[in-house]
Amino acid sequence: MAWQLDPTHSSISFSGKHMLVATVRGHFRSWQVDADVDETNLANSKGTVRIDATSLDTGVEQRDNHLRSTDFFDTEHHPQILFQVKRIEPNSHGARLVGDLTIRGITREVTMDGEVDGPIDDPWGGKRIGLSAEGKLNRKDWGLDWNVPLSAGGILVGEQIKITIDAELVKAA
């Protein structure tokens, strides 16, 4: 059965290091989820997350425009980031999401650790399920190579990026 995203109770955020000392955080304001949740066996569940790459927001317009440029996401030619969830693996700590992440036309398998809560019946006759997941990736694996070496050593933009997904999905009655 298909489940839809409740965008008012969901978020996708990211963070990375600036000059190796500060953490810069951001999120995507626009994204969609199409999920087929097997309530009796989560391992059989599948889903697609479509992120509008142009909707990234770090709170600094100049930085956001740079991230949208050809130096990073190249949103003019690659306006969408796609995450195809291939499977959910329940484990003793919650669950592991395994899927294919496509950025700038490059697809790589990623694994994110998290938890799945529910399903529960909501007060409006529907069902809800919650999914929280976190993972790390190296941005260079997707061609996001831009950087500036620092005179004291190190680089301007860290290569490791943390991703956090908090999604509430709804199945209508």
N, C-alpha and C. Protein backbone atom coordinates (compact mmCIF):
# COMPACT_ATOMS: atom_id res chain seq x y z
N MET A 1 0.85 -1.19 0.00
CA MET A 1 0.00 0.00 0.00
C MET A 1 0.88 1.24 0.00
N ALA A 2 0.53 2.22 -0.77
CA ALA A 2 1.32 3.44 -0.90
C ALA A 2 1.12 4.36 0.30
N TRP A 3 2.20 4.94 0.74
CA TRP A 3 2.23 5.90 1.83
C TRP A 3 2.76 7.22 1.29
N GLN A 4 2.26 8.32 1.82
CA GLN A 4 2.69 9.64 1.38
C GLN A 4 3.36 10.40 2.53
N LEU A 5 4.23 11.31 2.18
CA LEU A 5 4.95 12.12 3.15
C LEU A 5 4.04 13.15 3.81
N ASP A 6 4.16 13.30 5.12
CA ASP A 6 3.55 14.42 5.84
C ASP A 6 4.65 15.47 5.97
N PRO A 7 4.69 16.46 5.07
CA PRO A 7 5.82 17.39 5.04
C PRO A 7 5.91 18.30 6.27
N THR A 8 4.81 18.49 6.98
CA THR A 8 4.86 19.36 8.15
C THR A 8 5.50 18.69 9.35
N HIS A 9 5.72 17.38 9.26
CA HIS A 9 6.36 16.64 10.36
C HIS A 9 7.58 15.88 9.87
N SER A 10 8.26 16.42 8.84
CA SER A 10 9.37 15.72 8.22
C SER A 10 10.47 16.70 7.83
N SER A 11 11.71 16.19 7.78
CA SER A 11 12.83 17.06 7.38
C SER A 11 13.99 16.21 6.86
N ILE A 12 14.77 16.83 5.96
CA ILE A 12 16.05 16.28 5.53
C ILE A 12 17.08 17.37 5.76
N SER A 13 18.08 17.05 6.56
CA SER A 13 19.12 18.03 6.86
C SER A 13 20.50 17.45 6.58
N PHE A 14 21.48 18.35 6.47
CA PHE A 14 22.85 17.94 6.20
C PHE A 14 23.78 18.86 6.97
N SER A 15 24.99 18.39 7.21
CA SER A 15 26.01 19.22 7.85
C SER A 15 27.38 18.80 7.39
N GLY A 16 28.29 19.77 7.41
CA GLY A 16 29.67 19.51 7.02
C GLY A 16 30.58 20.53 7.68
N LYS A 17 31.85 20.25 7.68
CA LYS A 17 32.83 21.12 8.33
C LYS A 17 33.29 22.24 7.41
N HIS A 18 33.46 23.42 7.98
CA HIS A 18 34.03 24.57 7.30
C HIS A 18 35.37 24.88 7.95
N MET A 19 36.42 24.87 7.16
CA MET A 19 37.78 25.15 7.63
C MET A 19 38.19 24.22 8.78
N LEU A 20 37.60 23.05 8.82
CA LEU A 20 37.90 22.00 9.79
C LEU A 20 37.54 22.35 11.23
N VAL A 21 36.91 23.51 11.46
CA VAL A 21 36.62 23.91 12.84
C VAL A 21 35.16 24.19 13.13
N ALA A 22 34.38 24.59 12.13
CA ALA A 22 32.98 24.94 12.35
C ALA A 22 32.09 23.99 11.57
N THR A 23 30.92 23.70 12.11
CA THR A 23 29.95 22.86 11.42
C THR A 23 28.88 23.75 10.80
N VAL A 24 28.70 23.60 9.50
CA VAL A 24 27.67 24.32 8.77
C VAL A 24 26.51 23.36 8.55
N ARG A 25 25.30 23.82 8.86
CA ARG A 25 24.11 22.98 8.74
C ARG A 25 23.14 23.57 7.71
N GLY A 26 22.40 22.70 7.10
CA GLY A 26 21.40 23.13 6.15
C GLY A 26 20.32 22.07 6.03
N HIS A 27 19.31 22.39 5.23
CA HIS A 27 18.23 21.44 4.98
C HIS A 27 17.66 21.68 3.59
N PHE A 28 16.83 20.76 3.15
CA PHE A 28 16.11 20.91 1.89
C PHE A 28 14.67 21.23 2.22
N ARG A 29 14.16 22.30 1.63
CA ARG A 29 12.80 22.75 1.92
C ARG A 29 11.74 21.98 1.14
N SER A 30 12.12 21.35 0.03
CA SER A 30 11.13 20.69 -0.83
C SER A 30 11.60 19.29 -1.20
N TRP A 31 10.78 18.31 -0.83
CA TRP A 31 11.07 16.92 -1.17
C TRP A 31 9.81 16.10 -1.08
N GLN A 32 9.82 14.95 -1.74
CA GLN A 32 8.66 14.08 -1.77
C GLN A 32 9.10 12.64 -1.52
N VAL A 33 8.18 11.85 -1.01
CA VAL A 33 8.43 10.43 -0.78
C VAL A 33 7.27 9.63 -1.35
N ASP A 34 7.60 8.59 -2.08
CA ASP A 34 6.64 7.58 -2.48
C ASP A 34 7.12 6.29 -1.83
N ALA A 35 6.32 5.73 -0.95
CA ALA A 35 6.75 4.55 -0.21
C ALA A 35 5.72 3.43 -0.31
N ASP A 36 6.22 2.23 -0.39
CA ASP A 36 5.40 1.03 -0.34
C ASP A 36 5.87 0.28 0.89
N VAL A 37 5.12 0.42 1.99
CA VAL A 37 5.51 -0.15 3.27
C VAL A 37 4.79 -1.47 3.49
N ASP A 38 5.56 -2.51 3.73
CA ASP A 38 5.00 -3.81 4.08
C ASP A 38 4.93 -3.84 5.61
N GLU A 39 3.74 -3.64 6.16
CA GLU A 39 3.56 -3.52 7.60
C GLU A 39 3.89 -4.81 8.34
N THR A 40 3.79 -5.94 7.68
CA THR A 40 4.06 -7.21 8.35
C THR A 40 5.53 -7.61 8.27
N ASN A 41 6.25 -7.05 7.28
CA ASN A 41 7.67 -7.35 7.14
C ASN A 41 8.36 -6.14 6.53
N LEU A 42 8.89 -5.27 7.39
CA LEU A 42 9.52 -4.03 6.91
C LEU A 42 10.64 -4.27 5.91
N ALA A 43 11.28 -5.41 5.98
CA ALA A 43 12.38 -5.71 5.06
C ALA A 43 11.91 -5.71 3.60
N ASN A 44 10.63 -5.91 3.37
CA ASN A 44 10.09 -5.91 2.01
C ASN A 44 9.67 -4.52 1.54
N SER A 45 9.86 -3.51 2.36
CA SER A 45 9.43 -2.15 2.03
C SER A 45 10.39 -1.50 1.04
N LYS A 46 9.84 -0.63 0.23
CA LYS A 46 10.62 0.11 -0.77
C LYS A 46 10.15 1.56 -0.73
N GLY A 47 10.98 2.45 -1.28
CA GLY A 47 10.56 3.84 -1.34
C GLY A 47 11.48 4.66 -2.23
N THR A 48 10.97 5.79 -2.65
CA THR A 48 11.74 6.74 -3.45
C THR A 48 11.61 8.11 -2.81
N VAL A 49 12.76 8.73 -2.58
CA VAL A 49 12.80 10.10 -2.05
C VAL A 49 13.32 10.99 -3.17
N ARG A 50 12.53 12.00 -3.53
CA ARG A 50 12.91 12.96 -4.56
C ARG A 50 13.11 14.32 -3.89
N ILE A 51 14.35 14.79 -3.93
CA ILE A 51 14.70 16.05 -3.27
C ILE A 51 14.92 17.12 -4.32
N ASP A 52 14.26 18.25 -4.16
CA ASP A 52 14.50 19.40 -5.03
C ASP A 52 15.81 20.04 -4.58
N ALA A 53 16.89 19.80 -5.34
CA ALA A 53 18.22 20.30 -4.95
C ALA A 53 18.26 21.82 -4.89
N THR A 54 17.41 22.49 -5.66
CA THR A 54 17.41 23.95 -5.64
C THR A 54 16.84 24.50 -4.33
N SER A 55 16.17 23.64 -3.55
CA SER A 55 15.54 24.10 -2.32
C SER A 55 16.48 24.06 -1.11
N LEU A 56 17.76 23.78 -1.35
CA LEU A 56 18.69 23.73 -0.22
C LEU A 56 18.75 25.09 0.47
N ASP A 57 18.90 25.06 1.78
CA ASP A 57 18.89 26.29 2.57
C ASP A 57 19.82 26.13 3.77
N THR A 58 20.90 26.94 3.77
CA THR A 58 21.82 26.97 4.90
C THR A 58 21.67 28.24 5.72
N GLY A 59 20.77 29.11 5.27
CA GLY A 59 20.57 30.38 5.96
C GLY A 59 21.47 31.50 5.46
N VAL A 60 22.33 31.20 4.49
CA VAL A 60 23.22 32.22 3.91
C VAL A 60 23.07 32.16 2.40
N GLU A 61 22.47 33.17 1.82
CA GLU A 61 22.14 33.16 0.40
C GLU A 61 23.37 32.97 -0.49
N GLN A 62 24.46 33.64 -0.17
CA GLN A 62 25.67 33.51 -0.99
C GLN A 62 26.19 32.07 -0.98
N ARG A 63 26.20 31.43 0.19
CA ARG A 63 26.65 30.04 0.28
C ARG A 63 25.67 29.12 -0.46
N ASP A 64 24.35 29.36 -0.29
CA ASP A 64 23.35 28.53 -0.98
C ASP A 64 23.53 28.61 -2.49
N ASN A 65 23.75 29.81 -3.01
CA ASN A 65 23.96 29.97 -4.45
C ASN A 65 25.23 29.24 -4.90
N HIS A 66 26.28 29.29 -4.08
CA HIS A 66 27.51 28.55 -4.43
C HIS A 66 27.24 27.04 -4.44
N LEU A 67 26.49 26.54 -3.47
CA LEU A 67 26.17 25.11 -3.43
C LEU A 67 25.32 24.68 -4.63
N ARG A 68 24.50 25.59 -5.15
CA ARG A 68 23.67 25.29 -6.33
C ARG A 68 24.48 25.34 -7.63
N SER A 69 25.65 25.97 -7.60
CA SER A 69 26.46 26.19 -8.80
C SER A 69 27.14 24.91 -9.28
N THR A 70 27.85 25.02 -10.41
CA THR A 70 28.57 23.88 -10.98
C THR A 70 29.69 23.39 -10.07
N ASP A 71 30.12 24.21 -9.11
CA ASP A 71 31.14 23.76 -8.16
C ASP A 71 30.64 22.63 -7.27
N PHE A 72 29.32 22.59 -7.05
CA PHE A 72 28.74 21.58 -6.17
C PHE A 72 27.60 20.83 -6.86
N PHE A 73 26.34 21.16 -6.54
CA PHE A 73 25.21 20.37 -7.03
C PHE A 73 24.86 20.59 -8.50
N ASP A 74 25.27 21.71 -9.09
CA ASP A 74 24.95 22.02 -10.49
C ASP A 74 23.46 21.84 -10.74
N THR A 75 22.65 22.57 -9.95
CA THR A 75 21.20 22.38 -9.99
C THR A 75 20.56 22.77 -11.32
N GLU A 76 21.26 23.56 -12.13
CA GLU A 76 20.72 23.88 -13.45
C GLU A 76 20.60 22.61 -14.30
N HIS A 77 21.58 21.72 -14.20
CA HIS A 77 21.57 20.49 -14.98
C HIS A 77 21.11 19.27 -14.18
N HIS A 78 21.16 19.38 -12.85
CA HIS A 78 20.77 18.26 -11.98
C HIS A 78 19.88 18.79 -10.86
N PRO A 79 18.64 19.15 -11.18
CA PRO A 79 17.77 19.79 -10.18
C PRO A 79 17.24 18.84 -9.11
N GLN A 80 17.47 17.54 -9.27
CA GLN A 80 16.89 16.59 -8.32
C GLN A 80 17.96 15.65 -7.76
N ILE A 81 17.84 15.38 -6.48
CA ILE A 81 18.62 14.34 -5.81
C ILE A 81 17.64 13.20 -5.57
N LEU A 82 18.06 11.99 -5.86
CA LEU A 82 17.17 10.84 -5.77
C LEU A 82 17.76 9.79 -4.82
N PHE A 83 16.91 9.29 -3.91
CA PHE A 83 17.31 8.19 -3.04
C PHE A 83 16.29 7.08 -3.20
N GLN A 84 16.72 5.94 -3.75
CA GLN A 84 15.87 4.78 -3.95
C GLN A 84 16.14 3.80 -2.82
N VAL A 85 15.20 3.67 -1.88
CA VAL A 85 15.36 2.73 -0.78
C VAL A 85 15.12 1.33 -1.33
N LYS A 86 16.15 0.50 -1.24
CA LYS A 86 16.05 -0.87 -1.74
C LYS A 86 15.54 -1.83 -0.68
N ARG A 87 15.93 -1.56 0.56
CA ARG A 87 15.47 -2.44 1.64
C ARG A 87 15.67 -1.76 2.99
N ILE A 88 14.89 -2.23 3.94
CA ILE A 88 15.04 -1.83 5.34
C ILE A 88 15.40 -3.10 6.10
N GLU A 89 16.53 -3.03 6.82
CA GLU A 89 17.01 -4.20 7.56
C GLU A 89 16.83 -3.94 9.05
N PRO A 90 15.81 -4.53 9.67
CA PRO A 90 15.66 -4.38 11.12
C PRO A 90 16.88 -4.98 11.82
N ASN A 91 17.34 -4.31 12.89
CA ASN A 91 18.45 -4.83 13.68
C ASN A 91 18.21 -4.51 15.15
N SER A 92 19.11 -4.90 16.01
CA SER A 92 18.92 -4.74 17.45
C SER A 92 18.89 -3.28 17.89
N HIS A 93 19.41 -2.38 17.05
CA HIS A 93 19.46 -0.96 17.40
C HIS A 93 18.38 -0.14 16.68
N GLY A 94 17.54 -0.79 15.91
CA GLY A 94 16.51 -0.09 15.14
C GLY A 94 16.40 -0.68 13.76
N ALA A 95 16.94 0.05 12.78
CA ALA A 95 16.86 -0.41 11.40
C ALA A 95 17.98 0.21 10.59
N ARG A 96 18.28 -0.43 9.49
CA ARG A 96 19.27 0.09 8.55
C ARG A 96 18.57 0.26 7.21
N LEU A 97 18.70 1.44 6.61
CA LEU A 97 18.17 1.70 5.27
C LEU A 97 19.30 1.53 4.28
N VAL A 98 19.05 0.77 3.24
CA VAL A 98 20.02 0.58 2.18
C VAL A 98 19.37 1.03 0.89
N GLY A 99 20.07 1.89 0.16
CA GLY A 99 19.50 2.39 -1.07
C GLY A 99 20.53 3.02 -1.97
N ASP A 100 20.07 3.43 -3.14
CA ASP A 100 20.92 4.07 -4.13
C ASP A 100 20.66 5.57 -4.10
N LEU A 101 21.73 6.34 -3.89
CA LEU A 101 21.66 7.80 -3.86
C LEU A 101 22.25 8.34 -5.15
N THR A 102 21.47 9.17 -5.85
CA THR A 102 21.92 9.77 -7.10
C THR A 102 22.04 11.28 -6.91
N ILE A 103 23.24 11.78 -7.12
CA ILE A 103 23.54 13.22 -7.08
C ILE A 103 24.37 13.53 -8.31
N ARG A 104 23.99 14.56 -9.06
CA ARG A 104 24.71 14.98 -10.26
C ARG A 104 24.84 13.84 -11.27
N GLY A 105 23.85 12.95 -11.31
CA GLY A 105 23.87 11.86 -12.27
C GLY A 105 24.75 10.68 -11.87
N ILE A 106 25.33 10.74 -10.69
CA ILE A 106 26.18 9.66 -10.18
C ILE A 106 25.41 8.92 -9.10
N THR A 107 25.32 7.60 -9.23
CA THR A 107 24.57 6.77 -8.28
C THR A 107 25.53 5.88 -7.51
N ARG A 108 25.37 5.89 -6.19
CA ARG A 108 26.16 5.03 -5.30
C ARG A 108 25.23 4.47 -4.22
N GLU A 109 25.52 3.25 -3.80
CA GLU A 109 24.75 2.67 -2.70
C GLU A 109 25.20 3.30 -1.39
N VAL A 110 24.23 3.64 -0.55
CA VAL A 110 24.51 4.16 0.79
C VAL A 110 23.70 3.38 1.81
N THR A 111 24.21 3.39 3.03
CA THR A 111 23.53 2.75 4.15
C THR A 111 23.37 3.78 5.25
N MET A 112 22.17 3.86 5.78
CA MET A 112 21.87 4.80 6.86
C MET A 112 21.29 4.03 8.03
N ASP A 113 21.73 4.36 9.24
CA ASP A 113 21.20 3.72 10.44
C ASP A 113 20.07 4.56 11.01
N GLY A 114 19.07 3.89 11.55
CA GLY A 114 17.95 4.63 12.10
C GLY A 114 16.95 3.76 12.81
N GLU A 115 15.73 4.24 12.81
CA GLU A 115 14.66 3.49 13.46
C GLU A 115 13.35 3.75 12.74
N VAL A 116 12.46 2.79 12.87
CA VAL A 116 11.12 2.91 12.31
C VAL A 116 10.14 2.77 13.47
N ASP A 117 9.21 3.73 13.58
CA ASP A 117 8.21 3.71 14.64
C ASP A 117 6.83 3.59 14.01
N GLY A 118 6.02 2.71 14.59
CA GLY A 118 4.67 2.52 14.10
C GLY A 118 4.60 1.24 13.30
N PRO A 119 3.55 1.07 12.55
CA PRO A 119 2.50 2.05 12.29
C PRO A 119 1.54 2.21 13.46
N ILE A 120 0.94 3.39 13.50
CA ILE A 120 -0.10 3.68 14.49
C ILE A 120 -1.31 4.24 13.77
N ASP A 121 -2.47 4.11 14.40
CA ASP A 121 -3.69 4.73 13.87
C ASP A 121 -3.72 6.18 14.32
N ASP A 122 -4.01 7.08 13.37
CA ASP A 122 -4.11 8.49 13.74
C ASP A 122 -5.57 8.87 14.03
N PRO A 123 -5.82 10.04 14.60
CA PRO A 123 -7.19 10.43 14.96
C PRO A 123 -8.12 10.69 13.77
N TRP A 124 -7.57 10.70 12.54
CA TRP A 124 -8.37 11.01 11.36
C TRP A 124 -8.68 9.79 10.52
N GLY A 125 -8.43 8.59 11.06
CA GLY A 125 -8.76 7.36 10.37
C GLY A 125 -7.66 6.80 9.49
N GLY A 126 -6.50 7.44 9.48
CA GLY A 126 -5.38 6.94 8.69
C GLY A 126 -4.38 6.20 9.56
N LYS A 127 -3.31 5.78 8.95
CA LYS A 127 -2.20 5.16 9.67
C LYS A 127 -0.96 6.00 9.42
N ARG A 128 -0.06 6.01 10.41
CA ARG A 128 1.19 6.76 10.30
C ARG A 128 2.35 5.88 10.71
N ILE A 129 3.47 6.16 10.06
CA ILE A 129 4.71 5.48 10.40
C ILE A 129 5.82 6.53 10.39
N GLY A 130 6.75 6.41 11.32
CA GLY A 130 7.86 7.35 11.40
C GLY A 130 9.16 6.66 11.05
N LEU A 131 10.01 7.39 10.35
CA LEU A 131 11.31 6.88 9.97
C LEU A 131 12.35 7.94 10.26
N SER A 132 13.37 7.57 11.03
CA SER A 132 14.50 8.44 11.29
C SER A 132 15.75 7.70 10.86
N ALA A 133 16.64 8.40 10.13
CA ALA A 133 17.86 7.76 9.66
C ALA A 133 18.99 8.77 9.59
N GLU A 134 20.19 8.31 9.87
CA GLU A 134 21.38 9.14 9.78
C GLU A 134 22.48 8.38 9.05
N GLY A 135 23.26 9.11 8.31
CA GLY A 135 24.38 8.50 7.62
C GLY A 135 25.44 9.53 7.29
N LYS A 136 26.59 9.04 6.87
CA LYS A 136 27.69 9.90 6.44
C LYS A 136 28.08 9.49 5.03
N LEU A 137 28.50 10.47 4.27
CA LEU A 137 28.99 10.19 2.93
C LEU A 137 30.14 11.12 2.61
N ASN A 138 30.94 10.70 1.65
CA ASN A 138 32.02 11.54 1.16
C ASN A 138 31.51 12.22 -0.11
N ARG A 139 31.39 13.52 -0.06
CA ARG A 139 30.79 14.27 -1.17
C ARG A 139 31.55 14.08 -2.48
N LYS A 140 32.85 13.78 -2.39
CA LYS A 140 33.64 13.58 -3.60
C LYS A 140 33.22 12.34 -4.39
N ASP A 141 32.56 11.39 -3.71
CA ASP A 141 32.06 10.20 -4.41
C ASP A 141 30.99 10.54 -5.44
N TRP A 142 30.40 11.72 -5.33
CA TRP A 142 29.36 12.18 -6.26
C TRP A 142 29.84 13.36 -7.10
N GLY A 143 31.14 13.55 -7.20
CA GLY A 143 31.68 14.61 -8.04
C GLY A 143 31.61 16.00 -7.45
N LEU A 144 31.36 16.10 -6.15
CA LEU A 144 31.32 17.40 -5.47
C LEU A 144 32.73 17.68 -4.94
N ASP A 145 33.64 18.02 -5.87
CA ASP A 145 35.07 18.07 -5.58
C ASP A 145 35.61 19.44 -5.20
N TRP A 146 34.86 20.49 -5.43
CA TRP A 146 35.40 21.85 -5.25
C TRP A 146 35.96 22.02 -3.84
N ASN A 147 37.10 22.71 -3.76
CA ASN A 147 37.70 23.01 -2.47
C ASN A 147 38.80 24.03 -2.63
N VAL A 148 39.27 24.56 -1.51
CA VAL A 148 40.38 25.50 -1.47
C VAL A 148 41.30 25.04 -0.35
N PRO A 149 42.60 24.84 -0.67
CA PRO A 149 43.53 24.49 0.40
C PRO A 149 43.79 25.70 1.29
N LEU A 150 43.95 25.43 2.57
CA LEU A 150 44.22 26.50 3.53
C LEU A 150 45.73 26.64 3.74
N SER A 151 46.20 27.86 3.91
CA SER A 151 47.64 28.09 4.05
C SER A 151 48.21 27.42 5.30
N ALA A 152 47.39 27.26 6.33
CA ALA A 152 47.85 26.62 7.57
C ALA A 152 47.70 25.11 7.51
N GLY A 153 47.24 24.60 6.38
CA GLY A 153 46.98 23.17 6.23
C GLY A 153 45.50 22.89 6.28
N GLY A 154 45.10 21.83 5.66
CA GLY A 154 43.69 21.48 5.63
C GLY A 154 43.00 22.07 4.42
N ILE A 155 41.67 21.99 4.44
CA ILE A 155 40.85 22.44 3.32
C ILE A 155 39.68 23.28 3.81
N LEU A 156 39.13 24.08 2.92
CA LEU A 156 38.03 24.98 3.27
C LEU A 156 36.74 24.23 3.59
N VAL A 157 36.39 23.23 2.77
CA VAL A 157 35.14 22.50 2.92
C VAL A 157 35.43 21.03 3.19
N GLY A 158 34.93 20.52 4.30
CA GLY A 158 35.15 19.11 4.64
C GLY A 158 34.54 18.17 3.63
N GLU A 159 35.12 17.00 3.49
CA GLU A 159 34.63 16.02 2.52
C GLU A 159 33.51 15.16 3.09
N GLN A 160 33.49 14.94 4.40
CA GLN A 160 32.46 14.12 5.04
C GLN A 160 31.21 14.95 5.31
N ILE A 161 30.08 14.46 4.86
CA ILE A 161 28.80 15.14 5.04
C ILE A 161 27.87 14.21 5.82
N LYS A 162 27.24 14.75 6.85
CA LYS A 162 26.25 13.99 7.62
C LYS A 162 24.87 14.30 7.07
N ILE A 163 24.07 13.26 6.92
CA ILE A 163 22.70 13.39 6.41
C ILE A 163 21.75 12.87 7.49
N THR A 164 20.68 13.61 7.74
CA THR A 164 19.67 13.17 8.70
C THR A 164 18.30 13.28 8.03
N ILE A 165 17.55 12.18 8.09
CA ILE A 165 16.18 12.15 7.55
C ILE A 165 15.23 11.84 8.70
N ASP A 166 14.21 12.66 8.84
CA ASP A 166 13.10 12.39 9.76
C ASP A 166 11.83 12.50 8.94
N ALA A 167 11.16 11.39 8.75
CA ALA A 167 9.98 11.38 7.89
C ALA A 167 8.80 10.75 8.61
N GLU A 168 7.65 11.40 8.46
CA GLU A 168 6.39 10.82 8.91
C GLU A 168 5.58 10.53 7.66
N LEU A 169 5.19 9.26 7.52
CA LEU A 169 4.43 8.84 6.35
C LEU A 169 3.01 8.50 6.75
N VAL A 170 2.08 8.79 5.84
CA VAL A 170 0.66 8.61 6.12
C VAL A 170 0.05 7.71 5.05
N LYS A 171 -0.76 6.76 5.52
CA LYS A 171 -1.57 5.94 4.63
C LYS A 171 -3.02 6.31 4.92
N ALA A 172 -3.71 6.79 3.91
CA ALA A 172 -5.09 7.22 4.07
C ALA A 172 -5.98 6.03 4.41
N ALA A 173 -7.07 6.35 5.07
CA ALA A 173 -8.03 5.30 5.47
C ALA A 173 -8.67 4.68 4.25
